Amino acid sequence: MQVGIIGLGRMGGNIARRLVRRGHEAIVYDREPAAVAALAEDGAAAATGLEELVRKLSKPRAIWVMLPAGEITESAIRELGLKLEPGDVVIDGGNTFWKDDIRRAAALKQRGVYYVDVGTSGGVWGLERGYCMMIGGEKDIVDRLDPIFAALAPGVGNVPASSGRDGRDPRIERGYIHAGGNGAGHFVKMVHNGIEYGLMQAYAEGFDILKNAGSEALPEAERFDLDIADIAEVWRRGSVITSWLLDLTASALATDPNLDAYSGFVEDSGEGRWTVQAAIDEAVPVDVLSAALFARFRSRREHTFAEKILSAMRKGFGGHVEPKAPRP
């Protein structure tokens, strides 16, 4: 299947590569010519701008936008809406606020252009591991795009299906779901990332306790000199708290036991805030998720070993690098 891709950063570039590797035709554009050239070397077709990208695609077109949430995505989709024709589809695979999806879908529909929102999880590892996708949009349009989603998804792999799933949508077990109408995909991804905040904070605080088990404030007989890297590694093997986040933590600690490469300044990318806001709107108590968000705010004023653990995990799964000049 043919697809246009706008935005060739940490995830967009690898999405294009994965599609090309699986026999799809990707026509790519980024405002950085070097990024486009690199994808062209990997088998994608290059475009020098949105006009050329649209021109090179066969009708009905499908264009995947993989840009940071905010004005850059807003302006790209707005411009595409003026260039595309009835039957074409805009796919937003970034971390967009779900209410913006609803508004954009309604605006594009007036021109006969369809809109699909795809919450995409997989980070910098998606090229090899595949991407878990949460999709919002009209059913027939999502079904039309299924070859793209199937190629990007991890596939069944060695994860057994949960018992009792007979007769359910098989796409779920391959790593992607049509969650509902426009906005539903990014809504589900938003909550996914809110949960991620809580999981990461739990690991971070636990390792901070282990790190300080030898504190001189404790009675001498109650102090422990613990090897944090070894504990992370042993927990990966048969414990009930195994996860990819723990894998990344263990890897970071193995190479840098004190995490000296990290300041502990932890950004939030928006979804944690939106999740807490959704909980407020729904009157749902989210003690853990809100505390995890507020811990990131605090990290920008004072840093602990827990925050270094968070920074290491964020770099591990998403390639997020701490700001060079942390804000006060």
Protein backbone atom coordinates (compact mmCIF):
# COMPACT_ATOMS: atom_id res chain seq x y z
CA MET A 1 0.00 0.00 0.00
CA GLN A 2 1.15 3.54 -0.68
CA VAL A 3 1.38 6.06 2.16
CA GLY A 4 2.82 9.53 2.60
CA ILE A 5 4.68 10.31 5.82
CA ILE A 6 5.34 13.78 7.20
CA GLY A 7 7.83 14.04 10.06
CA LEU A 8 10.88 11.78 10.11
CA GLY A 9 12.02 12.15 13.71
CA ARG A 10 12.67 9.42 16.28
CA MET A 11 9.44 7.58 15.48
CA GLY A 12 8.32 8.89 12.09
CA GLY A 13 11.51 7.79 10.37
CA ASN A 14 11.29 4.28 11.78
CA ILE A 15 7.60 4.01 10.90
CA ALA A 16 8.56 4.75 7.29
CA ARG A 17 11.39 2.21 7.41
CA ARG A 18 9.18 -0.52 8.87
CA LEU A 19 6.57 0.03 6.16
CA VAL A 20 9.19 -0.10 3.41
CA ARG A 21 10.70 -3.27 4.84
CA ARG A 22 7.27 -4.89 4.68
CA GLY A 23 6.72 -4.06 1.03
CA HIS A 24 4.76 -0.80 1.26
CA GLU A 25 5.60 2.34 -0.70
CA ALA A 26 6.44 5.30 1.55
CA ILE A 27 6.72 8.82 0.16
CA VAL A 28 8.33 10.95 2.84
CA TYR A 29 8.82 14.60 3.71
CA ASP A 30 10.54 16.45 6.54
CA ARG A 31 11.72 20.03 6.75
CA GLU A 32 15.22 18.63 7.41
CA PRO A 33 16.61 17.51 4.00
CA ALA A 34 19.10 15.16 5.70
CA ALA A 35 16.25 13.18 7.26
CA VAL A 36 14.57 12.81 3.87
CA ALA A 37 17.86 11.76 2.25
CA ALA A 38 18.43 9.10 4.91
CA LEU A 39 14.99 7.59 4.28
CA ALA A 40 15.56 7.69 0.52
CA GLU A 41 18.67 5.58 1.05
CA ASP A 42 16.50 3.08 2.94
CA GLY A 43 14.05 2.71 0.08
CA ALA A 44 11.49 5.48 0.57
CA ALA A 45 10.58 8.00 -2.13
CA ALA A 46 11.49 11.60 -1.29
CA ALA A 47 9.34 14.71 -1.50
CA THR A 48 10.62 18.26 -1.15
CA GLY A 49 7.39 19.68 0.27
CA LEU A 50 3.72 19.01 0.97
CA GLU A 51 2.72 19.96 -2.56
CA GLU A 52 5.04 17.38 -4.10
CA LEU A 53 4.07 14.78 -1.50
CA VAL A 54 0.39 15.12 -2.37
CA ARG A 55 1.15 15.09 -6.10
CA LYS A 56 3.17 11.86 -5.89
CA LEU A 57 0.45 9.93 -4.04
CA SER A 58 -2.21 7.98 -5.90
CA LYS A 59 -5.88 8.58 -5.06
CA PRO A 60 -7.38 8.01 -2.59
CA ARG A 61 -4.35 9.27 -0.69
CA ALA A 62 -3.30 8.35 2.84
CA ILE A 63 -0.89 10.69 4.62
CA TRP A 64 0.54 9.88 8.06
CA VAL A 65 1.54 12.96 10.08
CA MET A 66 4.13 12.20 12.78
CA LEU A 67 4.95 15.57 14.32
CA PRO A 68 5.01 16.95 17.89
CA ALA A 69 1.62 17.84 19.32
CA GLY A 70 0.72 21.49 19.00
CA GLU A 71 0.95 24.15 16.33
CA ILE A 72 3.36 22.29 14.05
CA THR A 73 0.85 19.44 13.69
CA GLU A 74 -2.07 21.85 13.53
CA SER A 75 -0.56 23.83 10.67
CA ALA A 76 0.49 20.72 8.73
CA ILE A 77 -3.01 19.23 8.89
CA ARG A 78 -4.59 22.59 8.06
CA GLU A 79 -2.41 22.88 4.95
CA LEU A 80 -3.08 19.29 3.94
CA GLY A 81 -6.80 19.95 4.22
CA LEU A 82 -6.47 22.59 1.51
CA LYS A 83 -4.47 20.33 -0.82
CA LEU A 84 -6.26 16.99 -0.47
CA GLU A 85 -9.38 15.81 -2.27
CA PRO A 86 -12.55 13.96 -1.26
CA GLY A 87 -11.78 10.39 -0.22
CA ASP A 88 -8.24 11.16 0.95
CA VAL A 89 -7.23 10.42 4.55
CA VAL A 90 -5.08 12.28 7.07
CA ILE A 91 -3.62 10.06 9.81
CA ASP A 92 -2.28 11.75 12.93
CA GLY A 93 0.06 9.33 14.70
CA GLY A 94 1.52 11.80 17.18
CA ASN A 95 0.50 12.56 20.76
CA THR A 96 -2.35 14.91 19.94
CA PHE A 97 -4.99 15.99 22.47
CA TRP A 98 -8.09 13.94 21.66
CA LYS A 99 -10.49 16.88 21.61
CA ASP A 100 -8.37 18.42 18.83
CA ASP A 101 -8.97 15.22 16.83
CA ILE A 102 -12.73 15.69 17.02
CA ARG A 103 -12.46 19.29 15.84
CA ARG A 104 -10.06 18.48 13.00
CA ALA A 105 -12.13 15.52 11.81
CA ALA A 106 -15.22 17.70 11.58
CA ALA A 107 -13.36 20.42 9.67
CA LEU A 108 -11.80 17.98 7.18
CA LYS A 109 -15.08 16.16 6.64
CA GLN A 110 -16.59 19.36 5.24
CA ARG A 111 -14.11 18.93 2.38
CA GLY A 112 -14.76 15.19 2.06
CA VAL A 113 -11.39 14.35 3.63
CA TYR A 114 -11.27 11.69 6.34
CA TYR A 115 -9.29 11.85 9.56
CA VAL A 116 -7.87 8.98 11.63
CA ASP A 117 -6.11 9.42 14.97
CA VAL A 118 -3.57 6.79 15.97
CA GLY A 119 -2.11 6.66 19.45
CA THR A 120 1.27 5.06 18.77
CA SER A 121 3.37 3.35 21.44
CA GLY A 122 6.74 1.77 20.77
CA GLY A 123 9.23 4.58 21.03
CA VAL A 124 12.61 4.31 19.37
CA TRP A 125 12.36 0.49 19.45
CA GLY A 126 9.36 0.28 17.15
CA LEU A 127 11.35 -0.43 14.00
CA GLU A 128 12.24 -3.90 15.28
CA ARG A 129 9.56 -4.53 17.94
CA GLY A 130 6.61 -2.97 16.15
CA TYR A 131 4.13 -0.41 17.43
CA CYS A 132 1.09 -0.86 19.65
CA MET A 133 -1.60 1.30 18.05
CA MET A 134 -4.87 2.68 19.38
CA ILE A 135 -6.97 3.95 16.46
CA GLY A 136 -9.90 6.35 16.23
CA GLY A 137 -11.98 7.02 13.13
CA GLU A 138 -14.73 5.77 10.87
CA LYS A 139 -14.78 1.98 10.60
CA ASP A 140 -14.68 1.69 6.82
CA ILE A 141 -11.73 4.10 6.61
CA VAL A 142 -9.82 2.30 9.37
CA ASP A 143 -10.50 -1.00 7.57
CA ARG A 144 -9.20 0.49 4.32
CA LEU A 145 -5.93 1.39 6.07
CA ASP A 146 -5.57 -2.01 7.73
CA PRO A 147 -2.54 -3.09 5.63
CA ILE A 148 -0.59 -0.14 7.07
CA PHE A 149 -1.54 -0.92 10.65
CA ALA A 150 -0.88 -4.63 10.23
CA ALA A 151 2.62 -3.92 8.93
CA LEU A 152 3.45 -1.56 11.79
CA ALA A 153 2.02 -3.73 14.57
CA PRO A 154 4.19 -6.19 16.53
CA GLY A 155 2.13 -9.21 15.51
CA VAL A 156 1.11 -12.09 17.77
CA GLY A 157 4.70 -13.01 18.59
CA ASN A 158 5.14 -15.20 21.67
CA VAL A 159 2.47 -13.48 23.80
CA PRO A 160 -0.38 -15.93 24.37
CA ALA A 161 -3.94 -14.65 24.07
CA SER A 162 -5.89 -14.18 27.28
CA SER A 163 -8.29 -17.02 27.98
CA GLY A 164 -11.85 -16.35 26.91
CA ARG A 165 -10.98 -14.23 23.87
CA ASP A 166 -12.42 -16.64 21.32
CA GLY A 167 -14.48 -14.80 18.70
CA ARG A 168 -13.08 -11.35 19.45
CA ASP A 169 -11.35 -9.05 16.96
CA PRO A 170 -8.04 -10.79 16.09
CA ARG A 171 -6.32 -7.46 15.42
CA ILE A 172 -6.09 -6.88 19.17
CA GLU A 173 -3.78 -9.85 19.64
CA ARG A 174 -1.58 -8.51 16.84
CA GLY A 175 -1.10 -5.23 18.67
CA TYR A 176 -3.63 -2.73 17.32
CA ILE A 177 -7.22 -1.77 18.08
CA HIS A 178 -9.95 0.30 16.47
CA ALA A 179 -10.98 1.96 19.72
CA GLY A 180 -13.92 4.00 18.38
CA GLY A 181 -14.74 7.22 16.57
CA ASN A 182 -12.48 10.21 16.05
CA GLY A 183 -10.56 11.04 19.21
CA ALA A 184 -10.95 7.58 20.76
CA GLY A 185 -7.48 6.46 19.64
CA HIS A 186 -5.67 9.37 21.23
CA PHE A 187 -7.93 9.21 24.30
CA VAL A 188 -6.88 5.61 24.94
CA LYS A 189 -3.22 6.48 24.27
CA MET A 190 -3.51 9.43 26.68
CA VAL A 191 -4.64 7.14 29.49
CA HIS A 192 -1.93 4.63 28.50
CA ASN A 193 0.68 7.33 29.03
CA GLY A 194 -0.93 8.43 32.29
CA ILE A 195 -0.56 4.85 33.55
CA GLU A 196 3.02 4.87 32.26
CA TYR A 197 3.73 7.87 34.50
CA GLY A 198 2.45 5.94 37.51
CA LEU A 199 4.42 2.78 36.71
CA MET A 200 7.61 4.73 36.16
CA GLN A 201 7.15 6.64 39.42
CA ALA A 202 6.64 3.39 41.34
CA TYR A 203 9.89 1.95 40.00
CA ALA A 204 11.70 5.23 40.63
CA GLU A 205 10.62 5.50 44.25
CA GLY A 206 11.34 1.82 44.93
CA PHE A 207 14.89 2.08 43.61
CA ASP A 208 15.39 5.28 45.60
CA ILE A 209 14.52 3.36 48.79
CA LEU A 210 17.01 0.66 47.85
CA LYS A 211 19.67 3.26 47.04
CA ASN A 212 19.29 4.85 50.48
CA ALA A 213 19.18 1.62 52.47
CA GLY A 214 22.75 2.32 53.62
CA SER A 215 22.00 5.81 54.92
CA GLU A 216 23.94 6.88 57.99
CA ALA A 217 20.64 8.11 59.42
CA LEU A 218 19.72 4.45 60.00
CA PRO A 219 21.00 2.33 62.90
CA GLU A 220 24.20 0.63 61.77
CA ALA A 221 22.74 -2.86 62.14
CA GLU A 222 19.85 -1.93 59.84
CA ARG A 223 21.92 -0.59 56.97
CA PHE A 224 22.33 -2.48 53.70
CA ASP A 225 24.88 -1.88 50.95
CA LEU A 226 22.73 -3.05 48.06
CA ASP A 227 23.77 -3.56 44.44
CA ILE A 228 20.94 -1.74 42.69
CA ALA A 229 21.93 -2.94 39.21
CA ASP A 230 21.88 -6.59 40.31
CA ILE A 231 18.52 -6.17 42.03
CA ALA A 232 17.02 -4.69 38.86
CA GLU A 233 18.43 -7.59 36.88
CA VAL A 234 17.15 -10.32 39.20
CA TRP A 235 13.68 -8.75 39.26
CA ARG A 236 13.55 -9.18 35.48
CA ARG A 237 13.58 -12.95 35.94
CA GLY A 238 10.35 -14.44 37.24
CA SER A 239 9.16 -11.62 39.52
CA VAL A 240 5.65 -10.18 39.31
CA ILE A 241 6.96 -6.69 38.50
CA THR A 242 8.78 -7.60 35.28
CA SER A 243 8.16 -5.18 32.40
CA TRP A 244 9.87 -3.43 29.53
CA LEU A 245 10.33 -0.40 31.79
CA LEU A 246 12.21 -2.60 34.26
CA ASP A 247 14.33 -3.95 31.38
CA LEU A 248 15.31 -0.41 30.44
CA THR A 249 16.06 0.47 34.06
CA ALA A 250 18.26 -2.59 34.50
CA SER A 251 20.17 -1.74 31.32
CA ALA A 252 20.76 1.86 32.44
CA LEU A 253 21.94 0.78 35.90
CA ALA A 254 24.26 -1.88 34.48
CA THR A 255 26.21 0.72 32.51
CA ASP A 256 25.89 3.63 34.97
CA PRO A 257 25.06 2.36 38.52
CA ASN A 258 24.80 5.84 40.03
CA LEU A 259 23.15 7.30 36.90
CA ASP A 260 25.71 10.08 36.88
CA ALA A 261 24.80 10.86 33.26
CA TYR A 262 21.38 12.11 34.42
CA SER A 263 20.47 15.21 36.41
CA GLY A 264 17.00 13.96 37.32
CA PHE A 265 15.22 16.82 35.50
CA VAL A 266 12.09 15.09 34.15
CA GLU A 267 9.86 16.61 31.48
CA ASP A 268 6.21 15.68 30.93
CA SER A 269 4.94 15.42 27.39
CA GLY A 270 1.33 16.44 27.94
CA GLU A 271 -0.56 13.17 28.19
CA GLY A 272 -0.13 12.94 31.96
CA ARG A 273 -1.75 16.35 32.39
CA TRP A 274 -4.57 15.49 29.99
CA THR A 275 -5.21 12.20 31.79
CA VAL A 276 -5.57 13.96 35.14
CA GLN A 277 -7.85 16.55 33.52
CA ALA A 278 -10.02 13.77 32.06
CA ALA A 279 -10.23 12.21 35.52
CA ILE A 280 -11.37 15.56 36.93
CA ASP A 281 -14.02 15.87 34.20
CA GLU A 282 -15.25 12.34 34.97
CA ALA A 283 -14.93 12.70 38.77
CA VAL A 284 -12.61 9.67 38.84
CA PRO A 285 -10.03 9.56 41.68
CA VAL A 286 -6.47 9.16 40.34
CA ASP A 287 -4.26 9.39 43.40
CA VAL A 288 -1.30 7.59 41.85
CA LEU A 289 -1.39 9.18 38.40
CA SER A 290 -1.74 12.74 39.71
CA ALA A 291 1.06 12.20 42.24
CA ALA A 292 3.32 10.87 39.48
CA LEU A 293 2.64 13.98 37.39
CA PHE A 294 3.33 16.31 40.31
CA ALA A 295 6.58 14.43 41.05
CA ARG A 296 7.78 15.43 37.59
CA PHE A 297 6.99 19.05 38.32
CA ARG A 298 8.99 18.81 41.55
CA SER A 299 11.93 17.23 39.71
CA ARG A 300 12.55 20.53 37.95
CA ARG A 301 13.32 22.16 41.30
CA GLU A 302 15.10 19.40 43.21
CA HIS A 303 16.51 16.11 41.98
CA THR A 304 16.73 12.71 43.69
CA PHE A 305 17.94 9.31 42.56
CA ALA A 306 14.29 8.52 41.81
CA GLU A 307 14.23 11.27 39.19
CA LYS A 308 17.43 9.91 37.64
CA ILE A 309 15.66 6.56 37.28
CA LEU A 310 12.77 8.33 35.51
CA SER A 311 15.17 10.13 33.17
CA ALA A 312 16.92 6.86 32.34
CA MET A 313 13.63 5.15 31.49
CA ARG A 314 12.47 8.06 29.31
CA LYS A 315 15.73 7.97 27.37
CA GLY A 316 15.50 4.20 27.07
CA PHE A 317 12.06 3.92 25.51
CA GLY A 318 11.66 7.25 23.75
CA GLY A 319 15.11 8.71 23.26
CA HIS A 320 14.11 11.68 25.42
CA VAL A 321 17.17 13.71 26.43
CA GLU A 322 17.20 15.99 29.46
CA PRO A 323 17.31 19.72 28.71
CA LYS A 324 20.86 21.07 28.64
CA ALA A 325 19.83 24.06 30.76
CA PRO A 326 17.10 22.88 33.16
CA ARG A 327 14.50 25.48 34.01
CA PRO A 328 14.61 26.74 37.64
